[in-house]
Amino acid sequence: MIFVTVGTHEQPFNRLIQKVDELKRDGIIQDDVIMQTGFSTYEPKYCQWSKLIPYQQMIKNVADARIVITHGGARDIIGSTKKNHDN
């Protein structure tokens, strides 16, 4: 599974969300994709998504993901790299 998270920053990350959705549509991404889209206005058509995800579910998604794609927010980076140190 690929987990995409853009955090809760008030700016949209439409280009990231749309590009990953297009890669899934075109079969370039074969994995299931879960997205946390935040304030983005683009609504994915080919990926599972929610605007906001509860903290515990975010932790689970990071733990379950083969790949985590993020816009680079500090909490996302720390949480994703911490996963590798816990295993």
PDB file of N, CA and C in Angstrom:
ATOM      1  N   MET A   1       0.848  -1.180   0.000  1.00  0.00           N
ATOM      2  CA  MET A   1       0.000   0.000   0.000  1.00  0.00           C
ATOM      3  C   MET A   1       0.891   1.240   0.000  1.00  0.00           C
ATOM      4  N   ILE A   2       0.442   2.251  -0.700  1.00  0.00           N
ATOM      5  CA  ILE A   2       1.097   3.551  -0.702  1.00  0.00           C
ATOM      6  C   ILE A   2       0.195   4.515   0.062  1.00  0.00           C
ATOM      7  N   PHE A   3       0.796   5.244   0.992  1.00  0.00           N
ATOM      8  CA  PHE A   3       0.059   6.223   1.768  1.00  0.00           C
ATOM      9  C   PHE A   3       0.559   7.611   1.398  1.00  0.00           C
ATOM     10  N   VAL A   4      -0.365   8.473   0.988  1.00  0.00           N
ATOM     11  CA  VAL A   4      -0.049   9.859   0.625  1.00  0.00           C
ATOM     12  C   VAL A   4      -0.677  10.759   1.672  1.00  0.00           C
ATOM     13  N   THR A   5       0.126  11.635   2.259  1.00  0.00           N
ATOM     14  CA  THR A   5      -0.402  12.549   3.271  1.00  0.00           C
ATOM     15  C   THR A   5       0.136  13.955   3.035  1.00  0.00           C
ATOM     16  N   VAL A   6      -0.765  14.918   3.086  1.00  0.00           N
ATOM     17  CA  VAL A   6      -0.359  16.312   2.897  1.00  0.00           C
ATOM     18  C   VAL A   6      -0.568  17.126   4.172  1.00  0.00           C
ATOM     19  N   GLY A   7      -0.898  16.449   5.258  1.00  0.00           N
ATOM     20  CA  GLY A   7      -1.027  17.143   6.532  1.00  0.00           C
ATOM     21  C   GLY A   7      -2.264  18.027   6.600  1.00  0.00           C
ATOM     22  N   THR A   8      -2.227  18.967   7.530  1.00  0.00           N
ATOM     23  CA  THR A   8      -3.389  19.822   7.781  1.00  0.00           C
ATOM     24  C   THR A   8      -3.095  21.292   7.493  1.00  0.00           C
ATOM     25  N   HIS A   9      -2.010  21.545   6.783  1.00  0.00           N
ATOM     26  CA  HIS A   9      -1.695  22.914   6.382  1.00  0.00           C
ATOM     27  C   HIS A   9      -2.811  23.443   5.495  1.00  0.00           C
ATOM     28  N   GLU A  10      -3.127  24.712   5.613  1.00  0.00           N
ATOM     29  CA  GLU A  10      -4.300  25.289   4.954  1.00  0.00           C
ATOM     30  C   GLU A  10      -4.164  25.458   3.449  1.00  0.00           C
ATOM     31  N   GLN A  11      -2.973  25.283   2.904  1.00  0.00           N
ATOM     32  CA  GLN A  11      -2.819  25.391   1.456  1.00  0.00           C
ATOM     33  C   GLN A  11      -3.093  24.027   0.813  1.00  0.00           C
ATOM     34  N   PRO A  12      -3.715  24.034  -0.365  1.00  0.00           N
ATOM     35  CA  PRO A  12      -3.969  22.767  -1.049  1.00  0.00           C
ATOM     36  C   PRO A  12      -2.697  22.220  -1.702  1.00  0.00           C
ATOM     37  N   PHE A  13      -2.656  20.930  -1.866  1.00  0.00           N
ATOM     38  CA  PHE A  13      -1.566  20.253  -2.572  1.00  0.00           C
ATOM     39  C   PHE A  13      -2.167  19.488  -3.751  1.00  0.00           C
ATOM     40  N   ASN A  14      -2.951  20.203  -4.553  1.00  0.00           N
ATOM     41  CA  ASN A  14      -3.679  19.591  -5.659  1.00  0.00           C
ATOM     42  C   ASN A  14      -2.779  18.885  -6.657  1.00  0.00           C
ATOM     43  N   ARG A  15      -1.629  19.463  -6.979  1.00  0.00           N
ATOM     44  CA  ARG A  15      -0.759  18.840  -7.985  1.00  0.00           C
ATOM     45  C   ARG A  15      -0.288  17.463  -7.536  1.00  0.00           C
ATOM     46  N   LEU A  16       0.100  17.328  -6.278  1.00  0.00           N
ATOM     47  CA  LEU A  16       0.540  16.031  -5.756  1.00  0.00           C
ATOM     48  C   LEU A  16      -0.608  15.035  -5.774  1.00  0.00           C
ATOM     49  N   ILE A  17      -1.745  15.421  -5.232  1.00  0.00           N
ATOM     50  CA  ILE A  17      -2.898  14.518  -5.151  1.00  0.00           C
ATOM     51  C   ILE A  17      -3.349  14.092  -6.548  1.00  0.00           C
ATOM     52  N   GLN A  18      -3.446  15.038  -7.466  1.00  0.00           N
ATOM     53  CA  GLN A  18      -3.899  14.728  -8.822  1.00  0.00           C
ATOM     54  C   GLN A  18      -2.897  13.835  -9.560  1.00  0.00           C
ATOM     55  N   LYS A  19      -1.606  14.100  -9.421  1.00  0.00           N
ATOM     56  CA  LYS A  19      -0.595  13.309 -10.120  1.00  0.00           C
ATOM     57  C   LYS A  19      -0.607  11.860  -9.654  1.00  0.00           C
ATOM     58  N   VAL A  20      -0.671  11.641  -8.342  1.00  0.00           N
ATOM     59  CA  VAL A  20      -0.712  10.269  -7.837  1.00  0.00           C
ATOM     60  C   VAL A  20      -1.991   9.580  -8.315  1.00  0.00           C
ATOM     61  N   ASP A  21      -3.103  10.281  -8.323  1.00  0.00           N
ATOM     62  CA  ASP A  21      -4.364   9.726  -8.808  1.00  0.00           C
ATOM     63  C   ASP A  21      -4.239   9.336 -10.288  1.00  0.00           C
ATOM     64  N   GLU A  22      -3.598  10.175 -11.085  1.00  0.00           N
ATOM     65  CA  GLU A  22      -3.397   9.869 -12.507  1.00  0.00           C
ATOM     66  C   GLU A  22      -2.469   8.667 -12.698  1.00  0.00           C
ATOM     67  N   LEU A  23      -1.418   8.565 -11.878  1.00  0.00           N
ATOM     68  CA  LEU A  23      -0.513   7.418 -11.961  1.00  0.00           C
ATOM     69  C   LEU A  23      -1.246   6.120 -11.622  1.00  0.00           C
ATOM     70  N   LYS A  24      -2.160   6.187 -10.669  1.00  0.00           N
ATOM     71  CA  LYS A  24      -2.983   5.022 -10.325  1.00  0.00           C
ATOM     72  C   LYS A  24      -3.925   4.701 -11.488  1.00  0.00           C
ATOM     73  N   ARG A  25      -4.567   5.713 -12.031  1.00  0.00           N
ATOM     74  CA  ARG A  25      -5.483   5.536 -13.169  1.00  0.00           C
ATOM     75  C   ARG A  25      -4.786   4.871 -14.348  1.00  0.00           C
ATOM     76  N   ASP A  26      -3.569   5.299 -14.630  1.00  0.00           N
ATOM     77  CA  ASP A  26      -2.835   4.813 -15.787  1.00  0.00           C
ATOM     78  C   ASP A  26      -2.140   3.478 -15.550  1.00  0.00           C
ATOM     79  N   GLY A  27      -2.260   2.936 -14.339  1.00  0.00           N
ATOM     80  CA  GLY A  27      -1.660   1.643 -14.032  1.00  0.00           C
ATOM     81  C   GLY A  27      -0.176   1.704 -13.724  1.00  0.00           C
ATOM     82  N   ILE A  28       0.388   2.903 -13.655  1.00  0.00           N
ATOM     83  CA  ILE A  28       1.802   3.034 -13.304  1.00  0.00           C
ATOM     84  C   ILE A  28       2.000   2.670 -11.840  1.00  0.00           C
ATOM     85  N   ILE A  29       1.068   3.073 -11.016  1.00  0.00           N
ATOM     86  CA  ILE A  29       1.036   2.621  -9.616  1.00  0.00           C
ATOM     87  C   ILE A  29       0.096   1.429  -9.554  1.00  0.00           C
ATOM     88  N   GLN A  30       0.623   0.298  -9.124  1.00  0.00           N
ATOM     89  CA  GLN A  30      -0.161  -0.933  -9.009  1.00  0.00           C
ATOM     90  C   GLN A  30      -0.717  -1.123  -7.595  1.00  0.00           C
ATOM     91  N   ASP A  31      -0.029  -0.566  -6.604  1.00  0.00           N
ATOM     92  CA  ASP A  31      -0.432  -0.738  -5.205  1.00  0.00           C
ATOM     93  C   ASP A  31      -1.765  -0.044  -4.939  1.00  0.00           C
ATOM     94  N   ASP A  32      -2.445  -0.486  -3.873  1.00  0.00           N
ATOM     95  CA  ASP A  32      -3.558   0.301  -3.350  1.00  0.00           C
ATOM     96  C   ASP A  32      -2.987   1.609  -2.835  1.00  0.00           C
ATOM     97  N   VAL A  33      -3.752   2.686  -2.969  1.00  0.00           N
ATOM     98  CA  VAL A  33      -3.298   3.997  -2.511  1.00  0.00           C
ATOM     99  C   VAL A  33      -4.345   4.580  -1.570  1.00  0.00           C
ATOM    100  N   ILE A  34      -3.885   5.016  -0.402  1.00  0.00           N
ATOM    101  CA  ILE A  34      -4.727   5.734   0.553  1.00  0.00           C
ATOM    102  C   ILE A  34      -4.167   7.140   0.657  1.00  0.00           C
ATOM    103  N   MET A  35      -5.045   8.148   0.538  1.00  0.00           N
ATOM    104  CA  MET A  35      -4.615   9.541   0.592  1.00  0.00           C
ATOM    105  C   MET A  35      -5.322  10.295   1.704  1.00  0.00           C
ATOM    106  N   GLN A  36      -4.567  11.158   2.361  1.00  0.00           N
ATOM    107  CA  GLN A  36      -5.107  12.162   3.269  1.00  0.00           C
ATOM    108  C   GLN A  36      -4.896  13.468   2.529  1.00  0.00           C
ATOM    109  N   THR A  37      -5.980  14.077   2.029  1.00  0.00           N
ATOM    110  CA  THR A  37      -5.876  15.191   1.087  1.00  0.00           C
ATOM    111  C   THR A  37      -5.908  16.574   1.729  1.00  0.00           C
ATOM    112  N   GLY A  38      -6.201  16.662   3.013  1.00  0.00           N
ATOM    113  CA  GLY A  38      -6.189  17.950   3.698  1.00  0.00           C
ATOM    114  C   GLY A  38      -7.083  18.979   3.030  1.00  0.00           C
ATOM    115  N   PHE A  39      -6.530  20.153   2.758  1.00  0.00           N
ATOM    116  CA  PHE A  39      -7.302  21.245   2.168  1.00  0.00           C
ATOM    117  C   PHE A  39      -7.259  21.254   0.644  1.00  0.00           C
ATOM    118  N   SER A  40      -6.757  20.187   0.047  1.00  0.00           N
ATOM    119  CA  SER A  40      -6.743  20.096  -1.414  1.00  0.00           C
ATOM    120  C   SER A  40      -8.176  20.080  -1.925  1.00  0.00           C
ATOM    121  N   THR A  41      -8.388  20.688  -3.074  1.00  0.00           N
ATOM    122  CA  THR A  41      -9.733  20.721  -3.656  1.00  0.00           C
ATOM    123  C   THR A  41      -9.933  19.635  -4.704  1.00  0.00           C
ATOM    124  N   TYR A  42      -8.849  19.046  -5.199  1.00  0.00           N
ATOM    125  CA  TYR A  42      -8.968  17.938  -6.144  1.00  0.00           C
ATOM    126  C   TYR A  42      -9.449  16.712  -5.377  1.00  0.00           C
ATOM    127  N   GLU A  43     -10.458  16.032  -5.893  1.00  0.00           N
ATOM    128  CA  GLU A  43     -10.979  14.817  -5.270  1.00  0.00           C
ATOM    129  C   GLU A  43     -10.561  13.619  -6.110  1.00  0.00           C
ATOM    130  N   PRO A  44      -9.714  12.753  -5.562  1.00  0.00           N
ATOM    131  CA  PRO A  44      -9.236  11.597  -6.307  1.00  0.00           C
ATOM    132  C   PRO A  44     -10.382  10.698  -6.773  1.00  0.00           C
ATOM    133  N   LYS A  45     -10.186  10.111  -7.938  1.00  0.00           N
ATOM    134  CA  LYS A  45     -11.174   9.202  -8.522  1.00  0.00           C
ATOM    135  C   LYS A  45     -10.716   7.746  -8.486  1.00  0.00           C
ATOM    136  N   TYR A  46      -9.416   7.514  -8.310  1.00  0.00           N
ATOM    137  CA  TYR A  46      -8.863   6.171  -8.434  1.00  0.00           C
ATOM    138  C   TYR A  46      -8.179   5.681  -7.165  1.00  0.00           C
ATOM    139  N   CYS A  47      -8.188   6.507  -6.129  1.00  0.00           N
ATOM    140  CA  CYS A  47      -7.551   6.173  -4.865  1.00  0.00           C
ATOM    141  C   CYS A  47      -8.541   6.363  -3.723  1.00  0.00           C
ATOM    142  N   GLN A  48      -8.352   5.588  -2.672  1.00  0.00           N
ATOM    143  CA  GLN A  48      -9.143   5.796  -1.459  1.00  0.00           C
ATOM    144  C   GLN A  48      -8.634   7.068  -0.791  1.00  0.00           C
ATOM    145  N   TRP A  49      -9.542   7.926  -0.309  1.00  0.00           N
ATOM    146  CA  TRP A  49      -9.087   9.186   0.270  1.00  0.00           C
ATOM    147  C   TRP A  49     -10.037   9.722   1.315  1.00  0.00           C
ATOM    148  N   SER A  50      -9.474  10.558   2.179  1.00  0.00           N
ATOM    149  CA  SER A  50     -10.222  11.328   3.168  1.00  0.00           C
ATOM    150  C   SER A  50      -9.516  12.660   3.308  1.00  0.00           C
ATOM    151  N   LYS A  51     -10.277  13.719   3.565  1.00  0.00           N
ATOM    152  CA  LYS A  51      -9.648  15.023   3.793  1.00  0.00           C
ATOM    153  C   LYS A  51      -8.769  14.982   5.038  1.00  0.00           C
ATOM    154  N   LEU A  52      -9.298  14.458   6.120  1.00  0.00           N
ATOM    155  CA  LEU A  52      -8.556  14.340   7.367  1.00  0.00           C
ATOM    156  C   LEU A  52      -8.705  12.914   7.891  1.00  0.00           C
ATOM    157  N   ILE A  53      -7.677  12.433   8.536  1.00  0.00           N
ATOM    158  CA  ILE A  53      -7.667  11.074   9.077  1.00  0.00           C
ATOM    159  C   ILE A  53      -7.278  11.184  10.546  1.00  0.00           C
ATOM    160  N   PRO A  54      -7.991  10.494  11.428  1.00  0.00           N
ATOM    161  CA  PRO A  54      -7.635  10.533  12.855  1.00  0.00           C
ATOM    162  C   PRO A  54      -6.190  10.068  13.080  1.00  0.00           C
ATOM    163  N   TYR A  55      -5.565  10.623  14.103  1.00  0.00           N
ATOM    164  CA  TYR A  55      -4.153  10.375  14.387  1.00  0.00           C
ATOM    165  C   TYR A  55      -3.813   8.886  14.433  1.00  0.00           C
ATOM    166  N   GLN A  56      -4.598   8.099  15.163  1.00  0.00           N
ATOM    167  CA  GLN A  56      -4.286   6.666  15.287  1.00  0.00           C
ATOM    168  C   GLN A  56      -4.354   5.954  13.935  1.00  0.00           C
ATOM    169  N   GLN A  57      -5.268   6.385  13.073  1.00  0.00           N
ATOM    170  CA  GLN A  57      -5.347   5.792  11.739  1.00  0.00           C
ATOM    171  C   GLN A  57      -4.147   6.223  10.899  1.00  0.00           C
ATOM    172  N   MET A  58      -3.689   7.457  11.078  1.00  0.00           N
ATOM    173  CA  MET A  58      -2.479   7.915  10.377  1.00  0.00           C
ATOM    174  C   MET A  58      -1.287   7.035  10.761  1.00  0.00           C
ATOM    175  N   ILE A  59      -1.138   6.768  12.048  1.00  0.00           N
ATOM    176  CA  ILE A  59      -0.044   5.919  12.528  1.00  0.00           C
ATOM    177  C   ILE A  59      -0.139   4.538  11.885  1.00  0.00           C
ATOM    178  N   LYS A  60      -1.341   3.979  11.845  1.00  0.00           N
ATOM    179  CA  LYS A  60      -1.544   2.666  11.238  1.00  0.00           C
ATOM    180  C   LYS A  60      -1.222   2.699   9.747  1.00  0.00           C
ATOM    181  N   ASN A  61      -1.670   3.740   9.054  1.00  0.00           N
ATOM    182  CA  ASN A  61      -1.394   3.835   7.622  1.00  0.00           C
ATOM    183  C   ASN A  61       0.107   3.903   7.344  1.00  0.00           C
ATOM    184  N   VAL A  62       0.835   4.674   8.139  1.00  0.00           N
ATOM    185  CA  VAL A  62       2.289   4.758   7.978  1.00  0.00           C
ATOM    186  C   VAL A  62       2.920   3.395   8.241  1.00  0.00           C
ATOM    187  N   ALA A  63       2.484   2.720   9.292  1.00  0.00           N
ATOM    188  CA  ALA A  63       3.043   1.411   9.629  1.00  0.00           C
ATOM    189  C   ALA A  63       2.758   0.377   8.547  1.00  0.00           C
ATOM    190  N   ASP A  64       1.580   0.451   7.937  1.00  0.00           N
ATOM    191  CA  ASP A  64       1.179  -0.536   6.925  1.00  0.00           C
ATOM    192  C   ASP A  64       1.731  -0.233   5.539  1.00  0.00           C
ATOM    193  N   ALA A  65       2.163   0.992   5.313  1.00  0.00           N
ATOM    194  CA  ALA A  65       2.555   1.413   3.966  1.00  0.00           C
ATOM    195  C   ALA A  65       3.915   0.847   3.553  1.00  0.00           C
ATOM    196  N   ARG A  66       4.000   0.480   2.291  1.00  0.00           N
ATOM    197  CA  ARG A  66       5.280   0.126   1.682  1.00  0.00           C
ATOM    198  C   ARG A  66       6.034   1.407   1.333  1.00  0.00           C
ATOM    199  N   ILE A  67       5.263   2.438   0.929  1.00  0.00           N
ATOM    200  CA  ILE A  67       5.811   3.744   0.572  1.00  0.00           C
ATOM    201  C   ILE A  67       4.923   4.809   1.206  1.00  0.00           C
ATOM    202  N   VAL A  68       5.545   5.853   1.770  1.00  0.00           N
ATOM    203  CA  VAL A  68       4.821   7.024   2.269  1.00  0.00           C
ATOM    204  C   VAL A  68       5.262   8.211   1.423  1.00  0.00           C
ATOM    205  N   ILE A  69       4.287   8.907   0.828  1.00  0.00           N
ATOM    206  CA  ILE A  69       4.557  10.123   0.058  1.00  0.00           C
ATOM    207  C   ILE A  69       3.965  11.272   0.841  1.00  0.00           C
ATOM    208  N   THR A  70       4.787  12.299   1.101  1.00  0.00           N
ATOM    209  CA  THR A  70       4.330  13.430   1.883  1.00  0.00           C
ATOM    210  C   THR A  70       4.857  14.725   1.280  1.00  0.00           C
ATOM    211  N   HIS A  71       4.205  15.811   1.605  1.00  0.00           N
ATOM    212  CA  HIS A  71       4.645  17.110   1.122  1.00  0.00           C
ATOM    213  C   HIS A  71       5.881  17.592   1.870  1.00  0.00           C
ATOM    214  N   GLY A  72       6.237  16.946   2.936  1.00  0.00           N
ATOM    215  CA  GLY A  72       7.453  17.298   3.655  1.00  0.00           C
ATOM    216  C   GLY A  72       7.236  18.010   4.965  1.00  0.00           C
ATOM    217  N   GLY A  73       6.051  17.897   5.547  1.00  0.00           N
ATOM    218  CA  GLY A  73       5.808  18.469   6.864  1.00  0.00           C
ATOM    219  C   GLY A  73       6.624  17.734   7.922  1.00  0.00           C
ATOM    220  N   ALA A  74       7.066  18.453   8.933  1.00  0.00           N
ATOM    221  CA  ALA A  74       7.945  17.877   9.951  1.00  0.00           C
ATOM    222  C   ALA A  74       7.344  16.654  10.619  1.00  0.00           C
ATOM    223  N   ARG A  75       6.079  16.715  10.998  1.00  0.00           N
ATOM    224  CA  ARG A  75       5.460  15.585  11.690  1.00  0.00           C
ATOM    225  C   ARG A  75       5.407  14.355  10.778  1.00  0.00           C
ATOM    226  N   ASP A  76       5.105  14.569   9.501  1.00  0.00           N
ATOM    227  CA  ASP A  76       5.051  13.445   8.558  1.00  0.00           C
ATOM    228  C   ASP A  76       6.410  12.789   8.406  1.00  0.00           C
ATOM    229  N   ILE A  77       7.440  13.594   8.270  1.00  0.00           N
ATOM    230  CA  ILE A  77       8.783  13.047   8.079  1.00  0.00           C
ATOM    231  C   ILE A  77       9.241  12.305   9.322  1.00  0.00           C
ATOM    232  N   ILE A  78       9.071  12.896  10.487  1.00  0.00           N
ATOM    233  CA  ILE A  78       9.489  12.244  11.729  1.00  0.00           C
ATOM    234  C   ILE A  78       8.724  10.944  11.938  1.00  0.00           C
ATOM    235  N   GLY A  79       7.408  10.966  11.730  1.00  0.00           N
ATOM    236  CA  GLY A  79       6.612   9.761  11.905  1.00  0.00           C
ATOM    237  C   GLY A  79       7.000   8.663  10.940  1.00  0.00           C
ATOM    238  N   SER A  80       7.278   9.019   9.699  1.00  0.00           N
ATOM    239  CA  SER A  80       7.636   8.024   8.691  1.00  0.00           C
ATOM    240  C   SER A  80       9.005   7.425   8.961  1.00  0.00           C
ATOM    241  N   THR A  81       9.969   8.239   9.333  1.00  0.00           N
ATOM    242  CA  THR A  81      11.304   7.702   9.603  1.00  0.00           C
ATOM    243  C   THR A  81      11.338   6.937  10.919  1.00  0.00           C
ATOM    244  N   LYS A  82      10.532   7.330  11.869  1.00  0.00           N
ATOM    245  CA  LYS A  82      10.467   6.598  13.139  1.00  0.00           C
ATOM    246  C   LYS A  82       9.996   5.175  12.911  1.00  0.00           C
ATOM    247  N   LYS A  83       9.107   4.970  11.965  1.00  0.00           N
ATOM    248  CA  LYS A  83       8.618   3.637  11.635  1.00  0.00           C
ATOM    249  C   LYS A  83       9.787   2.707  11.340  1.00  0.00           C
ATOM    250  N   ASN A  84      10.773   3.170  10.579  1.00  0.00           N
ATOM    251  CA  ASN A  84      11.901   2.341  10.207  1.00  0.00           C
ATOM    252  C   ASN A  84      12.781   1.990  11.409  1.00  0.00           C
ATOM    253  N   HIS A  85      12.825   2.828  12.418  1.00  0.00           N
ATOM    254  CA  HIS A  85      13.628   2.567  13.593  1.00  0.00           C
ATOM    255  C   HIS A  85      12.926   1.649  14.583  1.00  0.00           C
ATOM    256  N   ASP A  86      11.607   1.566  14.491  1.00  0.00           N
ATOM    257  CA  ASP A  86      10.860   0.714  15.421  1.00  0.00           C
ATOM    258  C   ASP A  86      10.865  -0.746  14.986  1.00  0.00           C
ATOM    259  N   ASN A  87      11.197  -1.030  13.736  1.00  0.00           N
ATOM    260  CA  ASN A  87      11.153  -2.416  13.228  1.00  0.00           C
ATOM    261  C   ASN A  87      12.479  -3.111  13.415  1.00  0.00           C
TER     262      ASN A  87
END
